[in-house]
Amino acid sequence: MNDSAPSVRISKQHWLALLNELSDARRQHHLVTYRALIERLELPVPAMQTLTAALEYLAALDARADRPLRSALVISQGASRLPKTGFFECATRLGRFSGPADGAAAASWHAGEVARVFEFDYPEMP
C-alpha cells in the first residue's frame, strides 16, 4: 500500500472472523476466494480494500513470526487459482518471494507456501 492511500481498517469482529475462516480453510486443506471471504465475513464497502489490507497485515504478522503466510490461502476466482498480484508484491516486500507476480515462478512458490501453511501449527489467536 502506498503512503498516499487512505488507511483502511477492519473491525475486531471481522478480523477474528477472517482468522477463523482461514483457520478452517487450513484445517480442511482448502483455498478460499476473495469473493467468498467478502461474502462470508459480510465486509462493508470498500470490502476488497478492507480484505486486502487485512490480508497484508496478517502476512506481515506471519512473516515477523517466521510463519508461512496464511494469506496464501486466499485466491482469485479466475482460472489461475492464484492470489491477486498484490499478494505477491506484499510477499516480495516481506522478503518471502522474488520474481514476477505472474507466471510459473509465482505459481510454484504459491503452491509451496500453501503446502507450508497446511502443515504449520499456528498458535491460537485470542
N, C-alpha and C. Protein backbone atom coordinates (compact mmCIF):
# COMPACT_ATOMS: atom_id res chain seq x y z
N MET A 1 0.85 -1.17 0.00
CA MET A 1 0.00 0.00 0.00
C MET A 1 0.90 1.24 0.00
N ASN A 2 0.60 2.22 -0.82
CA ASN A 2 1.45 3.40 -0.83
C ASN A 2 1.01 4.38 0.25
N ASP A 3 1.89 5.30 0.57
CA ASP A 3 1.65 6.22 1.69
C ASP A 3 0.47 7.16 1.46
N SER A 4 0.10 7.39 0.20
CA SER A 4 -0.98 8.33 -0.06
C SER A 4 -2.36 7.65 0.00
N ALA A 5 -2.37 6.31 0.08
CA ALA A 5 -3.64 5.60 0.13
C ALA A 5 -4.30 5.83 1.49
N PRO A 6 -5.63 5.96 1.50
CA PRO A 6 -6.30 6.14 2.78
C PRO A 6 -6.16 4.88 3.62
N SER A 7 -6.07 5.07 4.90
CA SER A 7 -5.95 3.93 5.79
C SER A 7 -7.28 3.17 5.84
N VAL A 8 -7.21 1.87 5.68
CA VAL A 8 -8.40 1.04 5.72
C VAL A 8 -8.30 0.18 6.97
N ARG A 9 -9.38 0.16 7.73
CA ARG A 9 -9.37 -0.61 8.97
C ARG A 9 -10.45 -1.68 8.93
N ILE A 10 -10.19 -2.76 9.67
CA ILE A 10 -11.16 -3.84 9.76
C ILE A 10 -11.57 -3.93 11.23
N SER A 11 -12.83 -4.17 11.47
CA SER A 11 -13.31 -4.26 12.85
C SER A 11 -12.73 -5.50 13.50
N LYS A 12 -12.66 -5.49 14.83
CA LYS A 12 -12.15 -6.66 15.54
C LYS A 12 -13.00 -7.89 15.24
N GLN A 13 -14.31 -7.70 15.16
CA GLN A 13 -15.22 -8.80 14.85
C GLN A 13 -14.90 -9.41 13.48
N HIS A 14 -14.70 -8.55 12.47
CA HIS A 14 -14.36 -9.04 11.14
C HIS A 14 -12.97 -9.68 11.11
N TRP A 15 -12.03 -9.10 11.86
CA TRP A 15 -10.66 -9.64 11.92
C TRP A 15 -10.68 -11.06 12.50
N LEU A 16 -11.38 -11.23 13.62
CA LEU A 16 -11.46 -12.55 14.24
C LEU A 16 -12.18 -13.55 13.33
N ALA A 17 -13.21 -13.08 12.64
CA ALA A 17 -13.93 -13.94 11.69
C ALA A 17 -13.01 -14.34 10.53
N LEU A 18 -12.18 -13.40 10.06
CA LEU A 18 -11.22 -13.70 9.00
C LEU A 18 -10.24 -14.77 9.47
N LEU A 19 -9.69 -14.60 10.66
CA LEU A 19 -8.75 -15.59 11.18
C LEU A 19 -9.41 -16.96 11.31
N ASN A 20 -10.66 -16.97 11.73
CA ASN A 20 -11.39 -18.22 11.87
C ASN A 20 -11.62 -18.88 10.52
N GLU A 21 -12.01 -18.09 9.51
CA GLU A 21 -12.21 -18.64 8.16
C GLU A 21 -10.91 -19.24 7.61
N LEU A 22 -9.80 -18.54 7.81
CA LEU A 22 -8.51 -19.04 7.31
C LEU A 22 -8.08 -20.28 8.08
N SER A 23 -8.37 -20.31 9.36
CA SER A 23 -8.06 -21.48 10.18
C SER A 23 -8.85 -22.70 9.70
N ASP A 24 -10.14 -22.49 9.42
CA ASP A 24 -10.98 -23.57 8.90
C ASP A 24 -10.45 -24.06 7.55
N ALA A 25 -10.11 -23.12 6.67
CA ALA A 25 -9.60 -23.48 5.34
C ALA A 25 -8.31 -24.29 5.49
N ARG A 26 -7.44 -23.86 6.41
CA ARG A 26 -6.17 -24.56 6.63
C ARG A 26 -6.42 -25.99 7.12
N ARG A 27 -7.28 -26.13 8.10
CA ARG A 27 -7.57 -27.46 8.67
C ARG A 27 -8.17 -28.39 7.61
N GLN A 28 -8.99 -27.84 6.72
CA GLN A 28 -9.66 -28.64 5.69
C GLN A 28 -8.83 -28.76 4.40
N HIS A 29 -7.65 -28.13 4.40
CA HIS A 29 -6.77 -28.11 3.22
C HIS A 29 -7.52 -27.58 2.00
N HIS A 30 -8.19 -26.45 2.19
CA HIS A 30 -8.93 -25.78 1.12
C HIS A 30 -8.38 -24.38 0.91
N LEU A 31 -8.55 -23.89 -0.32
CA LEU A 31 -8.29 -22.49 -0.62
C LEU A 31 -9.65 -21.79 -0.66
N VAL A 32 -9.66 -20.49 -0.45
CA VAL A 32 -10.90 -19.73 -0.44
C VAL A 32 -10.73 -18.50 -1.33
N THR A 33 -11.77 -18.13 -2.05
CA THR A 33 -11.66 -16.97 -2.94
C THR A 33 -11.89 -15.67 -2.17
N TYR A 34 -11.38 -14.59 -2.73
CA TYR A 34 -11.60 -13.27 -2.14
C TYR A 34 -13.10 -13.02 -2.02
N ARG A 35 -13.83 -13.33 -3.09
CA ARG A 35 -15.27 -13.06 -3.10
C ARG A 35 -15.99 -13.85 -2.00
N ALA A 36 -15.65 -15.14 -1.84
CA ALA A 36 -16.29 -15.96 -0.81
C ALA A 36 -16.02 -15.38 0.58
N LEU A 37 -14.79 -14.93 0.82
CA LEU A 37 -14.46 -14.34 2.12
C LEU A 37 -15.26 -13.06 2.36
N ILE A 38 -15.32 -12.21 1.35
CA ILE A 38 -16.06 -10.95 1.49
C ILE A 38 -17.52 -11.26 1.83
N GLU A 39 -18.10 -12.25 1.15
CA GLU A 39 -19.50 -12.61 1.40
C GLU A 39 -19.69 -13.24 2.78
N ARG A 40 -18.82 -14.18 3.14
CA ARG A 40 -18.95 -14.84 4.44
C ARG A 40 -18.74 -13.88 5.60
N LEU A 41 -17.79 -12.97 5.44
CA LEU A 41 -17.49 -12.02 6.52
C LEU A 41 -18.46 -10.84 6.52
N GLU A 42 -19.22 -10.69 5.42
CA GLU A 42 -20.13 -9.56 5.25
C GLU A 42 -19.39 -8.24 5.48
N LEU A 43 -18.26 -8.12 4.79
CA LEU A 43 -17.44 -6.91 4.93
C LEU A 43 -18.15 -5.72 4.30
N PRO A 44 -18.10 -4.58 4.97
CA PRO A 44 -18.72 -3.38 4.40
C PRO A 44 -17.85 -2.80 3.28
N VAL A 45 -18.46 -1.99 2.45
CA VAL A 45 -17.75 -1.27 1.38
C VAL A 45 -16.76 -0.31 2.03
N PRO A 46 -15.51 -0.22 1.57
CA PRO A 46 -14.92 -0.89 0.41
C PRO A 46 -14.38 -2.27 0.79
N ALA A 47 -15.15 -3.30 0.54
CA ALA A 47 -14.85 -4.65 1.02
C ALA A 47 -13.52 -5.19 0.52
N MET A 48 -13.24 -5.06 -0.78
CA MET A 48 -11.98 -5.63 -1.30
C MET A 48 -10.77 -4.92 -0.71
N GLN A 49 -10.85 -3.58 -0.58
CA GLN A 49 -9.72 -2.86 0.02
C GLN A 49 -9.54 -3.27 1.49
N THR A 50 -10.64 -3.46 2.20
CA THR A 50 -10.56 -3.86 3.60
C THR A 50 -9.95 -5.24 3.71
N LEU A 51 -10.41 -6.17 2.89
CA LEU A 51 -9.88 -7.53 2.92
C LEU A 51 -8.40 -7.54 2.54
N THR A 52 -8.05 -6.80 1.50
CA THR A 52 -6.65 -6.74 1.07
C THR A 52 -5.76 -6.20 2.18
N ALA A 53 -6.18 -5.11 2.82
CA ALA A 53 -5.39 -4.54 3.90
C ALA A 53 -5.24 -5.53 5.06
N ALA A 54 -6.32 -6.23 5.39
CA ALA A 54 -6.27 -7.20 6.48
C ALA A 54 -5.34 -8.37 6.13
N LEU A 55 -5.41 -8.85 4.90
CA LEU A 55 -4.54 -9.95 4.48
C LEU A 55 -3.08 -9.53 4.45
N GLU A 56 -2.81 -8.29 4.04
CA GLU A 56 -1.42 -7.80 4.04
C GLU A 56 -0.91 -7.65 5.46
N TYR A 57 -1.77 -7.19 6.36
CA TYR A 57 -1.39 -7.07 7.78
C TYR A 57 -1.10 -8.46 8.36
N LEU A 58 -1.95 -9.43 8.06
CA LEU A 58 -1.75 -10.79 8.53
C LEU A 58 -0.45 -11.36 7.97
N ALA A 59 -0.17 -11.10 6.71
CA ALA A 59 1.08 -11.57 6.10
C ALA A 59 2.28 -10.98 6.84
N ALA A 60 2.20 -9.70 7.19
CA ALA A 60 3.30 -9.06 7.92
C ALA A 60 3.48 -9.70 9.30
N LEU A 61 2.37 -9.99 9.97
CA LEU A 61 2.44 -10.65 11.28
C LEU A 61 3.08 -12.04 11.14
N ASP A 62 2.63 -12.80 10.14
CA ASP A 62 3.18 -14.14 9.93
C ASP A 62 4.67 -14.07 9.58
N ALA A 63 5.04 -13.14 8.72
CA ALA A 63 6.45 -13.01 8.32
C ALA A 63 7.31 -12.64 9.53
N ARG A 64 6.82 -11.72 10.34
CA ARG A 64 7.56 -11.29 11.52
C ARG A 64 7.78 -12.45 12.49
N ALA A 65 6.80 -13.35 12.57
CA ALA A 65 6.89 -14.51 13.47
C ALA A 65 7.53 -15.73 12.76
N ASP A 66 8.03 -15.52 11.55
CA ASP A 66 8.67 -16.57 10.77
C ASP A 66 7.74 -17.76 10.52
N ARG A 67 6.48 -17.43 10.21
CA ARG A 67 5.48 -18.46 9.89
C ARG A 67 5.13 -18.37 8.41
N PRO A 68 4.63 -19.48 7.83
CA PRO A 68 4.11 -19.42 6.46
C PRO A 68 2.96 -18.41 6.39
N LEU A 69 2.78 -17.79 5.26
CA LEU A 69 1.79 -16.73 5.08
C LEU A 69 0.40 -17.31 4.87
N ARG A 70 -0.47 -17.18 5.89
CA ARG A 70 -1.84 -17.69 5.79
C ARG A 70 -2.62 -17.01 4.69
N SER A 71 -2.24 -15.79 4.34
CA SER A 71 -2.95 -15.09 3.27
C SER A 71 -2.79 -15.81 1.93
N ALA A 72 -1.86 -16.76 1.82
CA ALA A 72 -1.69 -17.55 0.60
C ALA A 72 -2.92 -18.41 0.32
N LEU A 73 -3.75 -18.63 1.34
CA LEU A 73 -4.94 -19.47 1.15
C LEU A 73 -6.05 -18.75 0.40
N VAL A 74 -5.90 -17.45 0.19
CA VAL A 74 -6.94 -16.65 -0.47
C VAL A 74 -6.54 -16.43 -1.93
N ILE A 75 -7.44 -16.86 -2.83
CA ILE A 75 -7.12 -16.84 -4.26
C ILE A 75 -8.22 -16.15 -5.06
N SER A 76 -7.88 -15.82 -6.29
CA SER A 76 -8.85 -15.25 -7.23
C SER A 76 -9.76 -16.35 -7.75
N GLN A 77 -10.93 -15.95 -8.23
CA GLN A 77 -11.86 -16.90 -8.82
C GLN A 77 -11.42 -17.39 -10.18
N GLY A 78 -10.52 -16.67 -10.81
CA GLY A 78 -10.12 -16.98 -12.19
C GLY A 78 -9.46 -18.34 -12.34
N ALA A 79 -9.16 -18.67 -13.57
CA ALA A 79 -8.60 -19.98 -13.91
C ALA A 79 -7.24 -20.21 -13.27
N SER A 80 -6.51 -19.15 -12.97
CA SER A 80 -5.15 -19.32 -12.44
C SER A 80 -5.14 -19.96 -11.05
N ARG A 81 -6.22 -19.77 -10.29
CA ARG A 81 -6.31 -20.26 -8.91
C ARG A 81 -5.15 -19.73 -8.05
N LEU A 82 -4.72 -18.53 -8.37
CA LEU A 82 -3.65 -17.86 -7.63
C LEU A 82 -4.20 -16.62 -6.94
N PRO A 83 -3.49 -16.13 -5.94
CA PRO A 83 -3.86 -14.84 -5.36
C PRO A 83 -3.66 -13.72 -6.37
N LYS A 84 -4.21 -12.57 -6.05
CA LYS A 84 -4.02 -11.39 -6.90
C LYS A 84 -2.55 -10.97 -6.86
N THR A 85 -2.12 -10.19 -7.84
CA THR A 85 -0.70 -9.79 -7.91
C THR A 85 -0.27 -9.05 -6.65
N GLY A 86 -1.18 -8.34 -5.99
CA GLY A 86 -0.83 -7.63 -4.76
C GLY A 86 -0.29 -8.55 -3.68
N PHE A 87 -0.77 -9.80 -3.64
CA PHE A 87 -0.26 -10.76 -2.67
C PHE A 87 1.23 -11.01 -2.91
N PHE A 88 1.60 -11.21 -4.17
CA PHE A 88 3.00 -11.48 -4.50
C PHE A 88 3.86 -10.24 -4.24
N GLU A 89 3.31 -9.05 -4.53
CA GLU A 89 4.04 -7.81 -4.24
C GLU A 89 4.27 -7.67 -2.74
N CYS A 90 3.25 -8.01 -1.95
CA CYS A 90 3.37 -7.97 -0.49
C CYS A 90 4.43 -8.98 -0.04
N ALA A 91 4.37 -10.20 -0.56
CA ALA A 91 5.35 -11.24 -0.20
C ALA A 91 6.76 -10.81 -0.57
N THR A 92 6.90 -10.09 -1.67
CA THR A 92 8.21 -9.57 -2.08
C THR A 92 8.69 -8.53 -1.06
N ARG A 93 7.80 -7.60 -0.67
CA ARG A 93 8.17 -6.58 0.33
C ARG A 93 8.58 -7.23 1.65
N LEU A 94 7.98 -8.37 1.97
CA LEU A 94 8.28 -9.07 3.22
C LEU A 94 9.50 -9.98 3.10
N GLY A 95 10.10 -10.01 1.90
CA GLY A 95 11.30 -10.82 1.70
C GLY A 95 11.01 -12.30 1.53
N ARG A 96 9.79 -12.66 1.19
CA ARG A 96 9.42 -14.07 1.05
C ARG A 96 9.42 -14.56 -0.39
N PHE A 97 9.28 -13.64 -1.33
CA PHE A 97 9.18 -14.03 -2.74
C PHE A 97 9.95 -13.03 -3.58
N SER A 98 10.57 -13.52 -4.65
CA SER A 98 11.17 -12.60 -5.61
C SER A 98 10.88 -13.12 -7.00
N GLY A 99 10.54 -12.20 -7.87
CA GLY A 99 10.23 -12.58 -9.24
C GLY A 99 8.94 -11.93 -9.68
N PRO A 100 8.54 -12.20 -10.92
CA PRO A 100 7.29 -11.63 -11.42
C PRO A 100 6.09 -12.20 -10.68
N ALA A 101 5.05 -11.36 -10.53
CA ALA A 101 3.86 -11.74 -9.77
C ALA A 101 2.92 -12.65 -10.55
N ASP A 102 3.32 -13.02 -11.75
CA ASP A 102 2.52 -13.99 -12.51
C ASP A 102 3.49 -14.94 -13.19
N GLY A 103 3.00 -16.05 -13.65
CA GLY A 103 3.86 -17.00 -14.32
C GLY A 103 4.23 -18.18 -13.45
N ALA A 104 5.10 -19.02 -14.01
CA ALA A 104 5.44 -20.29 -13.38
C ALA A 104 6.11 -20.13 -12.02
N ALA A 105 7.02 -19.15 -11.89
CA ALA A 105 7.72 -18.98 -10.61
C ALA A 105 6.74 -18.61 -9.50
N ALA A 106 5.81 -17.72 -9.79
CA ALA A 106 4.81 -17.32 -8.80
C ALA A 106 3.92 -18.50 -8.43
N ALA A 107 3.46 -19.25 -9.44
CA ALA A 107 2.59 -20.39 -9.19
C ALA A 107 3.31 -21.45 -8.35
N SER A 108 4.56 -21.70 -8.67
CA SER A 108 5.34 -22.70 -7.94
C SER A 108 5.57 -22.27 -6.49
N TRP A 109 5.97 -21.01 -6.31
CA TRP A 109 6.19 -20.51 -4.94
C TRP A 109 4.88 -20.55 -4.15
N HIS A 110 3.79 -20.15 -4.77
CA HIS A 110 2.49 -20.14 -4.09
C HIS A 110 2.10 -21.56 -3.66
N ALA A 111 2.28 -22.54 -4.54
CA ALA A 111 1.95 -23.93 -4.20
C ALA A 111 2.76 -24.40 -2.99
N GLY A 112 4.03 -24.04 -2.96
CA GLY A 112 4.87 -24.40 -1.83
C GLY A 112 4.44 -23.71 -0.55
N GLU A 113 4.08 -22.44 -0.67
CA GLU A 113 3.64 -21.69 0.52
C GLU A 113 2.34 -22.26 1.06
N VAL A 114 1.41 -22.60 0.18
CA VAL A 114 0.15 -23.21 0.61
C VAL A 114 0.42 -24.53 1.35
N ALA A 115 1.32 -25.35 0.80
CA ALA A 115 1.66 -26.61 1.47
C ALA A 115 2.23 -26.35 2.85
N ARG A 116 3.09 -25.33 2.99
CA ARG A 116 3.66 -24.98 4.31
C ARG A 116 2.58 -24.51 5.27
N VAL A 117 1.62 -23.73 4.77
CA VAL A 117 0.51 -23.27 5.62
C VAL A 117 -0.28 -24.47 6.12
N PHE A 118 -0.59 -25.41 5.22
CA PHE A 118 -1.37 -26.58 5.61
C PHE A 118 -0.65 -27.40 6.68
N GLU A 119 0.68 -27.44 6.64
CA GLU A 119 1.46 -28.26 7.57
C GLU A 119 1.76 -27.54 8.88
N PHE A 120 1.72 -26.23 8.89
CA PHE A 120 2.16 -25.47 10.06
C PHE A 120 1.09 -25.46 11.15
N ASP A 121 1.52 -25.53 12.39
CA ASP A 121 0.61 -25.49 13.53
C ASP A 121 0.65 -24.08 14.11
N TYR A 122 -0.33 -23.25 13.72
CA TYR A 122 -0.37 -21.87 14.17
C TYR A 122 -0.88 -21.81 15.61
N PRO A 123 -0.33 -20.86 16.38
CA PRO A 123 -0.86 -20.69 17.74
C PRO A 123 -2.29 -20.16 17.69
N GLU A 124 -3.08 -20.50 18.66
CA GLU A 124 -4.45 -20.00 18.72
C GLU A 124 -4.42 -18.49 18.94
N MET A 125 -5.27 -17.79 18.22
CA MET A 125 -5.36 -16.34 18.37
C MET A 125 -6.35 -16.02 19.47
N PRO A 126 -6.14 -14.90 20.17
CA PRO A 126 -7.08 -14.54 21.24
C PRO A 126 -8.46 -14.21 20.72
